Amino acid sequence: MEIDGAAAAIKTLGKVDPELRKAVIKSLKTAAQPMEESARRLLPATRPLSNWEKWRGGYDPKKVARSIKVAFRGSKVKGSRDPDKIPLLTLRQKDAAGAIYDMAGRRSTGNTPQGQAFIRNLNRQGPASRYMWPGAEAAMPLVIRQVEEAVDDMIKIIEKELR
């Protein structure tokens, strides 16, 4: 979803009224909550592989679920194909084991026999991007509507403040 000028408006809002900027960011993040919930529903309830709890950091299903967060970015991404596009909201996995479970095998099939076996076993549960992107995609229609409403509310508040 693209909203022209939203990032610039939020940045300007921070200069005019920092508290209002915080409220707008909070409403945008709240609008995107269905993505978090959808991704969490796609997580396995138990460890996806045996003995994963012994790995440093381990795979704890509850911790992995808690670590899925919507974050406000609002700044340019280095190396972006289109420097004029700014991702306002991103869905992030803050747990290392959760990120590995989601993305292992996307760019590599493993460098060692153990790594290859690890990725092969994970691929039995689905290809890389096992829950984050599918979860975000499933919730996208609802999130788009809610973000549009939050942006419309922001515009109304800004117009009211300017009068």
N, C-alpha and C. Protein backbone atom coordinates (compact mmCIF):
# COMPACT_ATOMS: atom_id res chain seq x y z
N MET A 1 0.84 -1.17 0.00
CA MET A 1 0.00 0.00 0.00
C MET A 1 0.89 1.24 0.00
N GLU A 2 0.60 2.16 -0.88
CA GLU A 2 1.39 3.38 -0.97
C GLU A 2 0.52 4.59 -0.61
N ILE A 3 1.05 5.43 0.26
CA ILE A 3 0.36 6.66 0.64
C ILE A 3 1.34 7.80 0.40
N ASP A 4 1.07 8.59 -0.62
CA ASP A 4 1.96 9.69 -0.95
C ASP A 4 1.97 10.74 0.14
N GLY A 5 3.16 11.11 0.57
CA GLY A 5 3.33 12.20 1.52
C GLY A 5 3.11 11.86 2.97
N ALA A 6 2.77 10.62 3.29
CA ALA A 6 2.48 10.26 4.68
C ALA A 6 3.73 10.39 5.55
N ALA A 7 4.86 9.91 5.05
CA ALA A 7 6.10 9.99 5.84
C ALA A 7 6.51 11.43 6.09
N ALA A 8 6.40 12.26 5.05
CA ALA A 8 6.75 13.68 5.19
C ALA A 8 5.80 14.37 6.17
N ALA A 9 4.52 14.02 6.11
CA ALA A 9 3.54 14.63 7.02
C ALA A 9 3.84 14.25 8.46
N ILE A 10 4.20 12.99 8.70
CA ILE A 10 4.51 12.54 10.06
C ILE A 10 5.79 13.22 10.55
N LYS A 11 6.76 13.37 9.66
CA LYS A 11 8.00 14.04 10.04
C LYS A 11 7.73 15.49 10.42
N THR A 12 6.94 16.19 9.61
CA THR A 12 6.59 17.59 9.88
C THR A 12 5.79 17.68 11.17
N LEU A 13 4.90 16.73 11.37
CA LEU A 13 4.09 16.70 12.58
C LEU A 13 4.97 16.61 13.82
N GLY A 14 6.08 15.87 13.71
CA GLY A 14 7.01 15.76 14.84
C GLY A 14 7.63 17.09 15.21
N LYS A 15 7.81 17.97 14.23
CA LYS A 15 8.37 19.30 14.49
C LYS A 15 7.33 20.23 15.10
N VAL A 16 6.08 20.07 14.66
CA VAL A 16 5.00 20.94 15.13
C VAL A 16 4.46 20.49 16.48
N ASP A 17 4.16 19.19 16.60
CA ASP A 17 3.57 18.66 17.82
C ASP A 17 4.05 17.22 18.06
N PRO A 18 5.14 17.05 18.79
CA PRO A 18 5.70 15.71 19.00
C PRO A 18 4.72 14.72 19.64
N GLU A 19 3.88 15.19 20.53
CA GLU A 19 2.92 14.29 21.18
C GLU A 19 1.88 13.79 20.17
N LEU A 20 1.46 14.65 19.27
CA LEU A 20 0.50 14.25 18.24
C LEU A 20 1.15 13.25 17.29
N ARG A 21 2.42 13.44 16.99
CA ARG A 21 3.17 12.50 16.15
C ARG A 21 3.18 11.12 16.80
N LYS A 22 3.45 11.06 18.10
CA LYS A 22 3.45 9.79 18.83
C LYS A 22 2.08 9.12 18.75
N ALA A 23 1.02 9.91 18.88
CA ALA A 23 -0.34 9.37 18.82
C ALA A 23 -0.64 8.80 17.43
N VAL A 24 -0.19 9.49 16.40
CA VAL A 24 -0.41 9.03 15.02
C VAL A 24 0.32 7.71 14.79
N ILE A 25 1.57 7.64 15.23
CA ILE A 25 2.35 6.41 15.06
C ILE A 25 1.70 5.26 15.81
N LYS A 26 1.21 5.54 17.00
CA LYS A 26 0.53 4.51 17.78
C LYS A 26 -0.73 4.01 17.06
N SER A 27 -1.49 4.93 16.46
CA SER A 27 -2.70 4.51 15.75
C SER A 27 -2.36 3.71 14.50
N LEU A 28 -1.26 4.04 13.82
CA LEU A 28 -0.83 3.26 12.66
C LEU A 28 -0.41 1.85 13.09
N LYS A 29 0.33 1.74 14.18
CA LYS A 29 0.76 0.44 14.66
C LYS A 29 -0.43 -0.40 15.12
N THR A 30 -1.40 0.25 15.74
CA THR A 30 -2.61 -0.46 16.17
C THR A 30 -3.37 -0.98 14.96
N ALA A 31 -3.41 -0.18 13.90
CA ALA A 31 -4.10 -0.59 12.67
C ALA A 31 -3.46 -1.82 12.05
N ALA A 32 -2.17 -1.99 12.28
CA ALA A 32 -1.43 -3.12 11.69
C ALA A 32 -1.38 -4.35 12.59
N GLN A 33 -2.00 -4.30 13.76
CA GLN A 33 -1.98 -5.44 14.70
C GLN A 33 -2.47 -6.75 14.08
N PRO A 34 -3.46 -6.73 13.17
CA PRO A 34 -3.90 -8.01 12.60
C PRO A 34 -2.78 -8.80 11.91
N MET A 35 -1.75 -8.11 11.42
CA MET A 35 -0.62 -8.82 10.81
C MET A 35 0.11 -9.65 11.86
N GLU A 36 0.34 -9.07 13.03
CA GLU A 36 0.99 -9.80 14.13
C GLU A 36 0.18 -11.04 14.48
N GLU A 37 -1.11 -10.84 14.68
CA GLU A 37 -1.99 -11.94 15.09
C GLU A 37 -2.04 -13.04 14.04
N SER A 38 -2.09 -12.65 12.78
CA SER A 38 -2.14 -13.62 11.70
C SER A 38 -0.85 -14.44 11.62
N ALA A 39 0.30 -13.78 11.76
CA ALA A 39 1.58 -14.50 11.74
C ALA A 39 1.68 -15.45 12.94
N ARG A 40 1.21 -15.02 14.09
CA ARG A 40 1.26 -15.87 15.29
C ARG A 40 0.42 -17.13 15.11
N ARG A 41 -0.71 -17.01 14.42
CA ARG A 41 -1.57 -18.17 14.20
C ARG A 41 -0.88 -19.23 13.34
N LEU A 42 0.07 -18.82 12.49
CA LEU A 42 0.75 -19.76 11.60
C LEU A 42 1.94 -20.46 12.25
N LEU A 43 2.32 -20.04 13.45
CA LEU A 43 3.43 -20.67 14.16
C LEU A 43 3.01 -22.04 14.67
N PRO A 44 3.94 -23.00 14.66
CA PRO A 44 3.61 -24.30 15.26
C PRO A 44 3.52 -24.14 16.78
N ALA A 45 2.62 -24.88 17.38
CA ALA A 45 2.42 -24.79 18.83
C ALA A 45 3.57 -25.44 19.61
N THR A 46 4.30 -26.33 18.97
CA THR A 46 5.43 -27.00 19.61
C THR A 46 6.70 -26.70 18.81
N ARG A 47 7.84 -27.14 19.31
CA ARG A 47 9.10 -26.92 18.59
C ARG A 47 9.02 -27.62 17.24
N PRO A 48 9.40 -26.93 16.16
CA PRO A 48 9.30 -27.53 14.84
C PRO A 48 10.30 -28.68 14.61
N LEU A 49 11.40 -28.70 15.37
CA LEU A 49 12.39 -29.77 15.24
C LEU A 49 12.76 -30.26 16.64
N SER A 50 13.05 -31.55 16.74
CA SER A 50 13.46 -32.08 18.04
C SER A 50 14.83 -31.55 18.42
N ASN A 51 15.09 -31.48 19.70
CA ASN A 51 16.36 -31.02 20.27
C ASN A 51 16.67 -29.54 20.02
N TRP A 52 15.73 -28.80 19.50
CA TRP A 52 16.01 -27.39 19.24
C TRP A 52 16.10 -26.59 20.53
N GLU A 53 15.55 -27.11 21.62
CA GLU A 53 15.62 -26.38 22.88
C GLU A 53 17.06 -26.36 23.43
N LYS A 54 17.90 -27.28 22.97
CA LYS A 54 19.27 -27.36 23.47
C LYS A 54 20.19 -26.36 22.77
N TRP A 55 19.77 -25.86 21.63
CA TRP A 55 20.56 -24.87 20.90
C TRP A 55 20.64 -23.60 21.72
N ARG A 56 21.79 -22.91 21.69
CA ARG A 56 21.94 -21.67 22.46
C ARG A 56 20.87 -20.68 22.01
N GLY A 57 20.05 -20.27 22.90
CA GLY A 57 18.93 -19.40 22.57
C GLY A 57 17.65 -20.20 22.46
N GLY A 58 17.75 -21.42 21.94
CA GLY A 58 16.63 -22.34 21.86
C GLY A 58 15.41 -21.82 21.14
N TYR A 59 14.52 -22.71 20.80
CA TYR A 59 13.25 -22.33 20.18
C TYR A 59 12.17 -22.53 21.22
N ASP A 60 11.65 -21.43 21.72
CA ASP A 60 10.56 -21.45 22.68
C ASP A 60 9.34 -20.87 21.96
N PRO A 61 8.33 -21.70 21.65
CA PRO A 61 7.18 -21.22 20.87
C PRO A 61 6.52 -19.96 21.44
N LYS A 62 6.40 -19.87 22.76
CA LYS A 62 5.76 -18.69 23.36
C LYS A 62 6.62 -17.44 23.17
N LYS A 63 7.92 -17.59 23.33
CA LYS A 63 8.83 -16.45 23.16
C LYS A 63 8.85 -16.00 21.70
N VAL A 64 8.84 -16.95 20.77
CA VAL A 64 8.83 -16.62 19.35
C VAL A 64 7.55 -15.84 19.02
N ALA A 65 6.42 -16.29 19.53
CA ALA A 65 5.15 -15.61 19.28
C ALA A 65 5.15 -14.19 19.84
N ARG A 66 5.68 -14.01 21.06
CA ARG A 66 5.74 -12.68 21.67
C ARG A 66 6.66 -11.74 20.91
N SER A 67 7.62 -12.30 20.19
CA SER A 67 8.63 -11.49 19.52
C SER A 67 8.21 -10.99 18.14
N ILE A 68 7.01 -11.31 17.71
CA ILE A 68 6.50 -10.78 16.44
C ILE A 68 5.91 -9.42 16.74
N LYS A 69 6.45 -8.39 16.10
CA LYS A 69 6.02 -7.02 16.39
C LYS A 69 5.89 -6.20 15.11
N VAL A 70 4.92 -5.30 15.12
CA VAL A 70 4.82 -4.29 14.08
C VAL A 70 5.64 -3.11 14.56
N ALA A 71 6.49 -2.59 13.69
CA ALA A 71 7.34 -1.47 14.05
C ALA A 71 7.14 -0.32 13.07
N PHE A 72 7.25 0.90 13.56
CA PHE A 72 7.20 2.09 12.72
C PHE A 72 8.61 2.37 12.24
N ARG A 73 8.77 2.58 10.96
CA ARG A 73 10.09 2.89 10.43
C ARG A 73 10.18 4.36 10.05
N GLY A 74 9.44 4.76 9.03
CA GLY A 74 9.37 6.17 8.65
C GLY A 74 10.64 6.79 8.12
N SER A 75 11.63 5.98 7.74
CA SER A 75 12.85 6.54 7.14
C SER A 75 13.23 5.69 5.94
N LYS A 76 14.07 6.25 5.10
CA LYS A 76 14.47 5.56 3.88
C LYS A 76 15.30 4.32 4.19
N VAL A 77 15.24 3.36 3.30
CA VAL A 77 16.00 2.13 3.44
C VAL A 77 17.21 2.23 2.52
N LYS A 78 18.40 2.01 3.08
CA LYS A 78 19.62 2.05 2.26
C LYS A 78 19.55 0.98 1.19
N GLY A 79 19.94 1.35 -0.01
CA GLY A 79 19.97 0.40 -1.12
C GLY A 79 18.61 0.10 -1.70
N SER A 80 17.59 0.87 -1.35
CA SER A 80 16.25 0.63 -1.86
C SER A 80 16.20 0.91 -3.36
N ARG A 81 15.41 0.12 -4.06
CA ARG A 81 15.26 0.34 -5.51
C ARG A 81 14.59 1.68 -5.80
N ASP A 82 13.67 2.08 -4.96
CA ASP A 82 12.99 3.36 -5.14
C ASP A 82 13.21 4.19 -3.88
N PRO A 83 14.16 5.14 -3.93
CA PRO A 83 14.48 5.93 -2.73
C PRO A 83 13.35 6.83 -2.25
N ASP A 84 12.31 7.02 -3.08
CA ASP A 84 11.20 7.87 -2.68
C ASP A 84 10.17 7.11 -1.85
N LYS A 85 10.25 5.79 -1.84
CA LYS A 85 9.31 4.98 -1.06
C LYS A 85 9.91 4.69 0.31
N ILE A 86 9.09 4.90 1.33
CA ILE A 86 9.53 4.70 2.70
C ILE A 86 8.57 3.72 3.37
N PRO A 87 9.09 2.63 3.92
CA PRO A 87 8.20 1.70 4.63
C PRO A 87 7.83 2.27 6.00
N LEU A 88 6.60 2.68 6.16
CA LEU A 88 6.18 3.23 7.45
C LEU A 88 6.09 2.15 8.51
N LEU A 89 5.50 1.01 8.15
CA LEU A 89 5.30 -0.07 9.10
C LEU A 89 5.97 -1.34 8.58
N THR A 90 6.63 -2.05 9.47
CA THR A 90 7.23 -3.32 9.11
C THR A 90 6.85 -4.37 10.15
N LEU A 91 6.73 -5.60 9.70
CA LEU A 91 6.47 -6.72 10.59
C LEU A 91 7.81 -7.37 10.88
N ARG A 92 8.18 -7.46 12.14
CA ARG A 92 9.51 -7.95 12.52
C ARG A 92 9.43 -9.12 13.47
N GLN A 93 10.41 -10.01 13.32
CA GLN A 93 10.58 -11.11 14.25
C GLN A 93 11.86 -10.80 15.02
N LYS A 94 11.72 -10.57 16.33
CA LYS A 94 12.86 -10.16 17.14
C LYS A 94 13.57 -11.32 17.82
N ASP A 95 13.07 -12.53 17.65
CA ASP A 95 13.69 -13.70 18.25
C ASP A 95 14.52 -14.43 17.19
N ALA A 96 15.78 -14.72 17.51
CA ALA A 96 16.68 -15.35 16.54
C ALA A 96 16.15 -16.70 16.06
N ALA A 97 15.69 -17.54 16.98
CA ALA A 97 15.19 -18.85 16.58
C ALA A 97 13.94 -18.73 15.72
N GLY A 98 13.09 -17.76 16.03
CA GLY A 98 11.90 -17.53 15.21
C GLY A 98 12.25 -17.08 13.81
N ALA A 99 13.25 -16.21 13.70
CA ALA A 99 13.70 -15.74 12.39
C ALA A 99 14.32 -16.88 11.59
N ILE A 100 15.08 -17.72 12.27
CA ILE A 100 15.70 -18.87 11.59
C ILE A 100 14.60 -19.81 11.10
N TYR A 101 13.63 -20.11 11.96
CA TYR A 101 12.54 -20.99 11.55
C TYR A 101 11.82 -20.43 10.33
N ASP A 102 11.59 -19.14 10.32
CA ASP A 102 10.86 -18.52 9.21
C ASP A 102 11.66 -18.53 7.91
N MET A 103 12.94 -18.17 7.97
CA MET A 103 13.69 -17.88 6.74
C MET A 103 14.77 -18.89 6.35
N ALA A 104 15.08 -19.87 7.18
CA ALA A 104 16.16 -20.82 6.85
C ALA A 104 15.87 -21.51 5.52
N GLY A 105 16.87 -21.48 4.64
CA GLY A 105 16.74 -22.12 3.35
C GLY A 105 16.35 -21.18 2.22
N ARG A 106 16.15 -19.91 2.52
CA ARG A 106 15.74 -18.97 1.48
C ARG A 106 16.88 -18.68 0.50
N ARG A 107 18.08 -18.48 1.02
CA ARG A 107 19.21 -18.14 0.15
C ARG A 107 20.22 -19.27 0.02
N SER A 108 20.11 -20.28 0.84
CA SER A 108 21.12 -21.34 0.85
C SER A 108 20.45 -22.67 1.16
N THR A 109 21.10 -23.74 0.72
CA THR A 109 20.60 -25.07 1.06
C THR A 109 21.42 -25.67 2.18
N GLY A 110 22.32 -24.86 2.75
CA GLY A 110 23.17 -25.31 3.85
C GLY A 110 24.59 -25.53 3.39
N ASN A 111 25.53 -25.16 4.24
CA ASN A 111 26.96 -25.27 3.89
C ASN A 111 27.59 -26.56 4.39
N THR A 112 26.95 -27.22 5.32
CA THR A 112 27.48 -28.45 5.89
C THR A 112 26.40 -29.53 5.80
N PRO A 113 26.75 -30.77 5.96
CA PRO A 113 25.71 -31.81 5.95
C PRO A 113 24.63 -31.58 7.03
N GLN A 114 25.07 -31.08 8.20
CA GLN A 114 24.10 -30.80 9.28
C GLN A 114 23.17 -29.65 8.87
N GLY A 115 23.74 -28.62 8.25
CA GLY A 115 22.93 -27.49 7.80
C GLY A 115 21.94 -27.90 6.73
N GLN A 116 22.38 -28.75 5.82
CA GLN A 116 21.49 -29.24 4.77
C GLN A 116 20.35 -30.06 5.36
N ALA A 117 20.66 -30.90 6.34
CA ALA A 117 19.63 -31.70 7.00
C ALA A 117 18.65 -30.80 7.75
N PHE A 118 19.17 -29.77 8.43
CA PHE A 118 18.34 -28.82 9.17
C PHE A 118 17.34 -28.15 8.22
N ILE A 119 17.83 -27.64 7.11
CA ILE A 119 16.95 -26.95 6.15
C ILE A 119 15.97 -27.93 5.51
N ARG A 120 16.44 -29.12 5.18
CA ARG A 120 15.56 -30.13 4.59
C ARG A 120 14.41 -30.45 5.55
N ASN A 121 14.71 -30.59 6.84
CA ASN A 121 13.66 -30.87 7.84
C ASN A 121 12.69 -29.70 7.99
N LEU A 122 13.21 -28.48 7.96
CA LEU A 122 12.32 -27.32 8.04
C LEU A 122 11.45 -27.22 6.79
N ASN A 123 12.01 -27.54 5.63
CA ASN A 123 11.25 -27.44 4.38
C ASN A 123 10.09 -28.43 4.33
N ARG A 124 10.11 -29.44 5.16
CA ARG A 124 8.97 -30.36 5.24
C ARG A 124 7.73 -29.64 5.77
N GLN A 125 7.97 -28.56 6.53
CA GLN A 125 6.86 -27.78 7.09
C GLN A 125 6.46 -26.64 6.16
N GLY A 126 7.22 -26.45 5.10
CA GLY A 126 6.92 -25.41 4.14
C GLY A 126 8.20 -24.71 3.72
N PRO A 127 8.16 -24.01 2.59
CA PRO A 127 9.36 -23.31 2.13
C PRO A 127 9.67 -22.08 2.99
N ALA A 128 10.85 -21.52 2.79
CA ALA A 128 11.26 -20.34 3.55
C ALA A 128 10.20 -19.25 3.46
N SER A 129 10.14 -18.45 4.49
CA SER A 129 9.08 -17.49 4.77
C SER A 129 7.84 -18.31 5.15
N ARG A 130 8.01 -19.05 6.22
CA ARG A 130 7.01 -20.01 6.65
C ARG A 130 5.81 -19.41 7.36
N TYR A 131 5.98 -18.23 8.00
CA TYR A 131 4.82 -17.67 8.70
C TYR A 131 4.73 -16.16 8.65
N MET A 132 5.84 -15.43 8.59
CA MET A 132 5.76 -13.97 8.65
C MET A 132 5.07 -13.39 7.41
N TRP A 133 5.58 -13.69 6.22
CA TRP A 133 4.98 -13.12 5.02
C TRP A 133 3.57 -13.67 4.79
N PRO A 134 3.34 -14.99 4.88
CA PRO A 134 1.96 -15.47 4.71
C PRO A 134 0.99 -14.85 5.72
N GLY A 135 1.45 -14.65 6.96
CA GLY A 135 0.60 -14.02 7.97
C GLY A 135 0.28 -12.58 7.61
N ALA A 136 1.29 -11.85 7.16
CA ALA A 136 1.08 -10.45 6.77
C ALA A 136 0.15 -10.37 5.57
N GLU A 137 0.36 -11.24 4.60
CA GLU A 137 -0.46 -11.24 3.39
C GLU A 137 -1.93 -11.55 3.70
N ALA A 138 -2.17 -12.49 4.60
CA ALA A 138 -3.53 -12.86 4.95
C ALA A 138 -4.29 -11.71 5.60
N ALA A 139 -3.58 -10.90 6.38
CA ALA A 139 -4.22 -9.80 7.11
C ALA A 139 -4.23 -8.49 6.31
N MET A 140 -3.58 -8.46 5.16
CA MET A 140 -3.39 -7.21 4.44
C MET A 140 -4.68 -6.44 4.10
N PRO A 141 -5.74 -7.07 3.60
CA PRO A 141 -6.94 -6.29 3.29
C PRO A 141 -7.48 -5.50 4.49
N LEU A 142 -7.54 -6.15 5.64
CA LEU A 142 -8.02 -5.48 6.86
C LEU A 142 -7.04 -4.38 7.28
N VAL A 143 -5.76 -4.67 7.24
CA VAL A 143 -4.74 -3.69 7.64
C VAL A 143 -4.80 -2.46 6.73
N ILE A 144 -4.94 -2.67 5.45
CA ILE A 144 -5.00 -1.53 4.51
C ILE A 144 -6.17 -0.63 4.86
N ARG A 145 -7.33 -1.22 5.11
CA ARG A 145 -8.51 -0.40 5.48
C ARG A 145 -8.24 0.38 6.76
N GLN A 146 -7.66 -0.30 7.77
CA GLN A 146 -7.43 0.37 9.05
C GLN A 146 -6.35 1.43 8.96
N VAL A 147 -5.31 1.20 8.17
CA VAL A 147 -4.27 2.21 7.99
C VAL A 147 -4.83 3.41 7.24
N GLU A 148 -5.66 3.18 6.23
CA GLU A 148 -6.29 4.29 5.51
C GLU A 148 -7.13 5.14 6.47
N GLU A 149 -7.86 4.48 7.35
CA GLU A 149 -8.66 5.22 8.35
C GLU A 149 -7.75 6.02 9.28
N ALA A 150 -6.65 5.42 9.71
CA ALA A 150 -5.72 6.12 10.61
C ALA A 150 -5.10 7.32 9.90
N VAL A 151 -4.76 7.18 8.62
CA VAL A 151 -4.20 8.30 7.86
C VAL A 151 -5.25 9.39 7.68
N ASP A 152 -6.49 9.00 7.39
CA ASP A 152 -7.56 9.99 7.26
C ASP A 152 -7.76 10.75 8.57
N ASP A 153 -7.72 10.03 9.68
CA ASP A 153 -7.83 10.69 11.00
C ASP A 153 -6.67 11.65 11.21
N MET A 154 -5.45 11.24 10.81
CA MET A 154 -4.28 12.10 10.95
C MET A 154 -4.47 13.38 10.14
N ILE A 155 -4.97 13.25 8.93
CA ILE A 155 -5.19 14.42 8.07
C ILE A 155 -6.20 15.36 8.71
N LYS A 156 -7.27 14.81 9.25
CA LYS A 156 -8.29 15.64 9.90
C LYS A 156 -7.71 16.38 11.10
N ILE A 157 -6.89 15.69 11.89
CA ILE A 157 -6.27 16.31 13.06
C ILE A 157 -5.32 17.43 12.64
N ILE A 158 -4.53 17.19 11.61
CA ILE A 158 -3.59 18.20 11.12
C ILE A 158 -4.35 19.42 10.61
N GLU A 159 -5.40 19.18 9.85
CA GLU A 159 -6.20 20.29 9.33
C GLU A 159 -6.81 21.10 10.47
N LYS A 160 -7.30 20.40 11.49
CA LYS A 160 -7.88 21.08 12.64
C LYS A 160 -6.84 21.91 13.38
N GLU A 161 -5.62 21.36 13.55
CA GLU A 161 -4.54 22.07 14.23
C GLU A 161 -4.08 23.30 13.45
N LEU A 162 -4.13 23.21 12.13
CA LEU A 162 -3.67 24.32 11.30
C LEU A 162 -4.66 25.50 11.30
N ARG A 163 -5.91 25.23 11.62
CA ARG A 163 -6.91 26.31 11.62
C ARG A 163 -6.80 27.14 12.82
